[in-house]
Amino acid sequence: MIRLIWAMDSNWLIGKDNILPWHFKEDLVYFKEKTKNQTVLMGDLTYQSLKGYYKDKPFPYGKIYVANLVDKVYSDAICVKDVVSFVKNLKEDIWVIGGKSIYQLTLPYADELYITHVLGIYEGNVYFPSFKLSDYKLKEKTMSNQLIFAVYQRK
């Protein structure tokens, strides 16, 4: 199963200079709860950004794949050069955790979407790629303060 997880505002904004444009502890807890000890796929920029948060601490994930167009050796991850071939031939469940290009490449293969809808409009420069949410059905929804945690399943 391929699951994508992200937070976006009302304009589908997901980032500002490779960081989140907002800070909601509830969303960070939700993200960590879903991805902890799981196999994840992320782009190199997301990997570098997360390294900035975790510093010398290990990531809380299980197996880590990092998409990069160039061969790169990661001490704690496996480099993936061809994301589409990788997801087409997956033999395990995976969580896609960013960024924009990786979401765009994996969205056509996603079984479930875990979207935190951040109510309001924020400033930033990275938006989630356009797609038809109508291709998915709402599986569960929880509201909390300025957040809507929604899980969608491909129809």
C-alpha atoms as a PDB file:
ATOM      1  CA  MET A   1       0.000   0.000   0.000  1.00  0.00           C
ATOM      2  CA  ILE A   2       1.247   3.453  -0.899  1.00  0.00           C
ATOM      3  CA  ARG A   3       0.201   6.232   1.451  1.00  0.00           C
ATOM      4  CA  LEU A   4       0.954   9.919   1.028  1.00  0.00           C
ATOM      5  CA  ILE A   5       0.888  12.173   4.075  1.00  0.00           C
ATOM      6  CA  TRP A   6       1.095  15.972   4.154  1.00  0.00           C
ATOM      7  CA  ALA A   7      -0.396  19.156   5.557  1.00  0.00           C
ATOM      8  CA  MET A   8      -1.665  21.985   3.373  1.00  0.00           C
ATOM      9  CA  ASP A   9      -3.507  25.248   3.827  1.00  0.00           C
ATOM     10  CA  SER A  10      -6.669  26.362   2.027  1.00  0.00           C
ATOM     11  CA  ASN A  11      -4.622  27.281  -1.085  1.00  0.00           C
ATOM     12  CA  TRP A  12      -2.781  23.919  -1.086  1.00  0.00           C
ATOM     13  CA  LEU A  13       0.392  25.524   0.266  1.00  0.00           C
ATOM     14  CA  ILE A  14       2.743  22.934   1.774  1.00  0.00           C
ATOM     15  CA  GLY A  15       6.017  24.771   2.333  1.00  0.00           C
ATOM     16  CA  LYS A  16       8.085  27.895   2.608  1.00  0.00           C
ATOM     17  CA  ASP A  17      11.774  27.614   1.714  1.00  0.00           C
ATOM     18  CA  ASN A  18      11.855  23.912   2.645  1.00  0.00           C
ATOM     19  CA  ILE A  19      10.154  24.314   6.046  1.00  0.00           C
ATOM     20  CA  LEU A  20       6.530  24.211   7.183  1.00  0.00           C
ATOM     21  CA  PRO A  21       4.860  27.661   7.094  1.00  0.00           C
ATOM     22  CA  TRP A  22       2.994  26.890  10.343  1.00  0.00           C
ATOM     23  CA  HIS A  23       3.578  25.103  13.618  1.00  0.00           C
ATOM     24  CA  PHE A  24       0.828  22.915  15.036  1.00  0.00           C
ATOM     25  CA  LYS A  25       2.021  20.424  17.613  1.00  0.00           C
ATOM     26  CA  GLU A  26      -1.065  18.272  16.977  1.00  0.00           C
ATOM     27  CA  ASP A  27      -0.105  17.891  13.323  1.00  0.00           C
ATOM     28  CA  LEU A  28       3.501  16.979  14.145  1.00  0.00           C
ATOM     29  CA  VAL A  29       2.281  14.379  16.664  1.00  0.00           C
ATOM     30  CA  TYR A  30      -0.163  12.972  14.077  1.00  0.00           C
ATOM     31  CA  PHE A  31       2.569  12.774  11.428  1.00  0.00           C
ATOM     32  CA  LYS A  32       4.986  11.072  13.798  1.00  0.00           C
ATOM     33  CA  GLU A  33       2.309   8.664  15.041  1.00  0.00           C
ATOM     34  CA  LYS A  34       1.498   7.549  11.490  1.00  0.00           C
ATOM     35  CA  THR A  35       5.069   7.256  10.200  1.00  0.00           C
ATOM     36  CA  LYS A  36       6.939   5.993  13.276  1.00  0.00           C
ATOM     37  CA  ASN A  37       8.838   2.771  12.544  1.00  0.00           C
ATOM     38  CA  GLN A  38       7.344   2.723   9.030  1.00  0.00           C
ATOM     39  CA  THR A  39       9.081   2.532   5.668  1.00  0.00           C
ATOM     40  CA  VAL A  40       9.202   6.038   4.174  1.00  0.00           C
ATOM     41  CA  LEU A  41      10.114   7.677   0.883  1.00  0.00           C
ATOM     42  CA  MET A  42      11.180  11.304   0.662  1.00  0.00           C
ATOM     43  CA  GLY A  43      13.143  13.583  -1.609  1.00  0.00           C
ATOM     44  CA  ASP A  44      16.654  14.751  -0.834  1.00  0.00           C
ATOM     45  CA  LEU A  45      15.521  18.265   0.145  1.00  0.00           C
ATOM     46  CA  THR A  46      13.004  16.844   2.615  1.00  0.00           C
ATOM     47  CA  TYR A  47      15.696  14.540   3.971  1.00  0.00           C
ATOM     48  CA  GLN A  48      18.082  17.485   4.484  1.00  0.00           C
ATOM     49  CA  SER A  49      15.323  19.560   6.095  1.00  0.00           C
ATOM     50  CA  LEU A  50      14.443  16.763   8.537  1.00  0.00           C
ATOM     51  CA  LYS A  51      18.127  16.290   9.364  1.00  0.00           C
ATOM     52  CA  GLY A  52      18.064  19.929  10.482  1.00  0.00           C
ATOM     53  CA  TYR A  53      15.262  19.136  12.933  1.00  0.00           C
ATOM     54  CA  TYR A  54      16.647  15.857  14.227  1.00  0.00           C
ATOM     55  CA  LYS A  55      20.312  16.959  14.257  1.00  0.00           C
ATOM     56  CA  ASP A  56      22.276  13.988  15.654  1.00  0.00           C
ATOM     57  CA  LYS A  57      19.207  11.974  16.701  1.00  0.00           C
ATOM     58  CA  PRO A  58      18.164   9.098  14.450  1.00  0.00           C
ATOM     59  CA  PHE A  59      14.980   9.428  12.415  1.00  0.00           C
ATOM     60  CA  PRO A  60      11.963   7.669  13.971  1.00  0.00           C
ATOM     61  CA  TYR A  61      11.271   5.708  10.777  1.00  0.00           C
ATOM     62  CA  GLY A  62      11.921   2.107   9.837  1.00  0.00           C
ATOM     63  CA  LYS A  63      13.490   1.769   6.404  1.00  0.00           C
ATOM     64  CA  ILE A  64      14.230   5.084   4.687  1.00  0.00           C
ATOM     65  CA  TYR A  65      14.357   5.684   0.948  1.00  0.00           C
ATOM     66  CA  VAL A  66      15.568   9.018  -0.396  1.00  0.00           C
ATOM     67  CA  ALA A  67      14.853  10.018  -3.994  1.00  0.00           C
ATOM     68  CA  ASN A  68      17.752  11.697  -5.723  1.00  0.00           C
ATOM     69  CA  LEU A  69      18.603  12.025  -9.406  1.00  0.00           C
ATOM     70  CA  VAL A  70      22.283  11.505  -8.633  1.00  0.00           C
ATOM     71  CA  ASP A  71      23.850   8.556  -6.867  1.00  0.00           C
ATOM     72  CA  LYS A  72      24.336   9.588  -3.284  1.00  0.00           C
ATOM     73  CA  VAL A  73      25.331   7.541  -0.287  1.00  0.00           C
ATOM     74  CA  TYR A  74      23.230   8.121   2.834  1.00  0.00           C
ATOM     75  CA  SER A  75      24.371   6.715   6.161  1.00  0.00           C
ATOM     76  CA  ASP A  76      20.802   5.893   7.212  1.00  0.00           C
ATOM     77  CA  ALA A  77      18.890   5.623   3.937  1.00  0.00           C
ATOM     78  CA  ILE A  78      18.785   3.976   0.527  1.00  0.00           C
ATOM     79  CA  CYS A  79      19.064   6.168  -2.559  1.00  0.00           C
ATOM     80  CA  VAL A  80      16.311   5.810  -5.183  1.00  0.00           C
ATOM     81  CA  LYS A  81      17.054   7.316  -8.592  1.00  0.00           C
ATOM     82  CA  ASP A  82      13.872   6.291 -10.455  1.00  0.00           C
ATOM     83  CA  VAL A  83      10.872   6.976  -8.211  1.00  0.00           C
ATOM     84  CA  VAL A  84       8.220   5.741 -10.667  1.00  0.00           C
ATOM     85  CA  SER A  85       9.916   2.366 -11.243  1.00  0.00           C
ATOM     86  CA  PHE A  86      10.505   2.114  -7.510  1.00  0.00           C
ATOM     87  CA  VAL A  87       6.833   2.562  -6.561  1.00  0.00           C
ATOM     88  CA  LYS A  88       5.591   0.391  -9.441  1.00  0.00           C
ATOM     89  CA  ASN A  89       7.731  -2.496  -8.177  1.00  0.00           C
ATOM     90  CA  LEU A  90       7.205  -2.026  -4.433  1.00  0.00           C
ATOM     91  CA  LYS A  91       6.795  -5.163  -2.376  1.00  0.00           C
ATOM     92  CA  GLU A  92       6.155  -3.389   0.923  1.00  0.00           C
ATOM     93  CA  ASP A  93       3.894  -0.713   2.380  1.00  0.00           C
ATOM     94  CA  ILE A  94       5.362   2.763   2.221  1.00  0.00           C
ATOM     95  CA  TRP A  95       4.624   6.289   3.411  1.00  0.00           C
ATOM     96  CA  VAL A  96       5.547   9.128   1.056  1.00  0.00           C
ATOM     97  CA  ILE A  97       6.470  12.136   3.192  1.00  0.00           C
ATOM     98  CA  GLY A  98       7.567  14.807   0.703  1.00  0.00           C
ATOM     99  CA  GLY A  99       8.403  16.993  -1.011  1.00  0.00           C
ATOM    100  CA  LYS A 100       6.381  18.353  -3.895  1.00  0.00           C
ATOM    101  CA  SER A 101       8.173  16.496  -6.724  1.00  0.00           C
ATOM    102  CA  ILE A 102       8.013  13.179  -4.895  1.00  0.00           C
ATOM    103  CA  TYR A 103       4.314  13.683  -4.174  1.00  0.00           C
ATOM    104  CA  GLN A 104       3.719  14.503  -7.843  1.00  0.00           C
ATOM    105  CA  LEU A 105       5.531  11.359  -9.024  1.00  0.00           C
ATOM    106  CA  THR A 106       3.843   9.005  -6.554  1.00  0.00           C
ATOM    107  CA  LEU A 107       0.299  10.436  -6.484  1.00  0.00           C
ATOM    108  CA  PRO A 108      -0.903   8.327  -9.463  1.00  0.00           C
ATOM    109  CA  TYR A 109       0.005   5.185  -7.477  1.00  0.00           C
ATOM    110  CA  ALA A 110      -1.308   6.264  -4.066  1.00  0.00           C
ATOM    111  CA  ASP A 111      -3.851   4.034  -2.354  1.00  0.00           C
ATOM    112  CA  GLU A 112      -4.504   6.413   0.534  1.00  0.00           C
ATOM    113  CA  LEU A 113      -3.976  10.102   1.260  1.00  0.00           C
ATOM    114  CA  TYR A 114      -3.509  11.405   4.786  1.00  0.00           C
ATOM    115  CA  ILE A 115      -4.108  15.135   4.515  1.00  0.00           C
ATOM    116  CA  THR A 116      -4.027  17.605   7.351  1.00  0.00           C
ATOM    117  CA  HIS A 117      -6.105  20.529   6.114  1.00  0.00           C
ATOM    118  CA  VAL A 118      -4.738  23.621   7.841  1.00  0.00           C
ATOM    119  CA  LEU A 119      -7.576  26.116   7.961  1.00  0.00           C
ATOM    120  CA  GLY A 120      -6.490  29.530   6.795  1.00  0.00           C
ATOM    121  CA  ILE A 121      -4.064  30.970   4.285  1.00  0.00           C
ATOM    122  CA  TYR A 122      -0.333  31.148   4.951  1.00  0.00           C
ATOM    123  CA  GLU A 123       2.674  32.555   3.123  1.00  0.00           C
ATOM    124  CA  GLY A 124       5.024  30.265   1.292  1.00  0.00           C
ATOM    125  CA  ASN A 125       6.341  29.191  -2.078  1.00  0.00           C
ATOM    126  CA  VAL A 126       5.653  25.454  -2.454  1.00  0.00           C
ATOM    127  CA  TYR A 127       2.196  24.138  -3.301  1.00  0.00           C
ATOM    128  CA  PHE A 128       0.889  20.597  -3.503  1.00  0.00           C
ATOM    129  CA  PRO A 129       0.489  19.450  -7.126  1.00  0.00           C
ATOM    130  CA  SER A 130      -3.017  19.794  -8.491  1.00  0.00           C
ATOM    131  CA  PHE A 131      -5.121  16.622  -8.607  1.00  0.00           C
ATOM    132  CA  LYS A 132      -8.759  15.563  -8.377  1.00  0.00           C
ATOM    133  CA  LEU A 133      -9.671  14.821  -4.793  1.00  0.00           C
ATOM    134  CA  SER A 134     -12.895  13.418  -6.271  1.00  0.00           C
ATOM    135  CA  ASP A 135     -10.851  10.357  -7.360  1.00  0.00           C
ATOM    136  CA  TYR A 136     -10.773   9.474  -3.654  1.00  0.00           C
ATOM    137  CA  LYS A 137     -13.458   8.868  -1.056  1.00  0.00           C
ATOM    138  CA  LEU A 138     -13.290  10.264   2.447  1.00  0.00           C
ATOM    139  CA  LYS A 139     -12.575   7.389   4.826  1.00  0.00           C
ATOM    140  CA  GLU A 140     -12.261   9.290   8.111  1.00  0.00           C
ATOM    141  CA  LYS A 141     -12.195  12.871   9.341  1.00  0.00           C
ATOM    142  CA  THR A 142     -11.325  14.462  12.663  1.00  0.00           C
ATOM    143  CA  MET A 143     -11.468  18.166  13.442  1.00  0.00           C
ATOM    144  CA  SER A 144      -9.257  19.843  16.006  1.00  0.00           C
ATOM    145  CA  ASN A 145      -8.784  23.594  16.440  1.00  0.00           C
ATOM    146  CA  GLN A 146      -7.532  24.927  13.076  1.00  0.00           C
ATOM    147  CA  LEU A 147      -6.911  21.460  11.622  1.00  0.00           C
ATOM    148  CA  ILE A 148      -8.905  18.816   9.824  1.00  0.00           C
ATOM    149  CA  PHE A 149      -7.250  15.399   9.748  1.00  0.00           C
ATOM    150  CA  ALA A 150      -8.662  13.529   6.765  1.00  0.00           C
ATOM    151  CA  VAL A 151      -7.935  10.130   5.278  1.00  0.00           C
ATOM    152  CA  TYR A 152      -8.952   9.470   1.687  1.00  0.00           C
ATOM    153  CA  GLN A 153      -8.981   6.153  -0.144  1.00  0.00           C
ATOM    154  CA  ARG A 154      -8.729   5.726  -3.906  1.00  0.00           C
ATOM    155  CA  LYS A 155     -12.146   4.890  -5.399  1.00  0.00           C
END
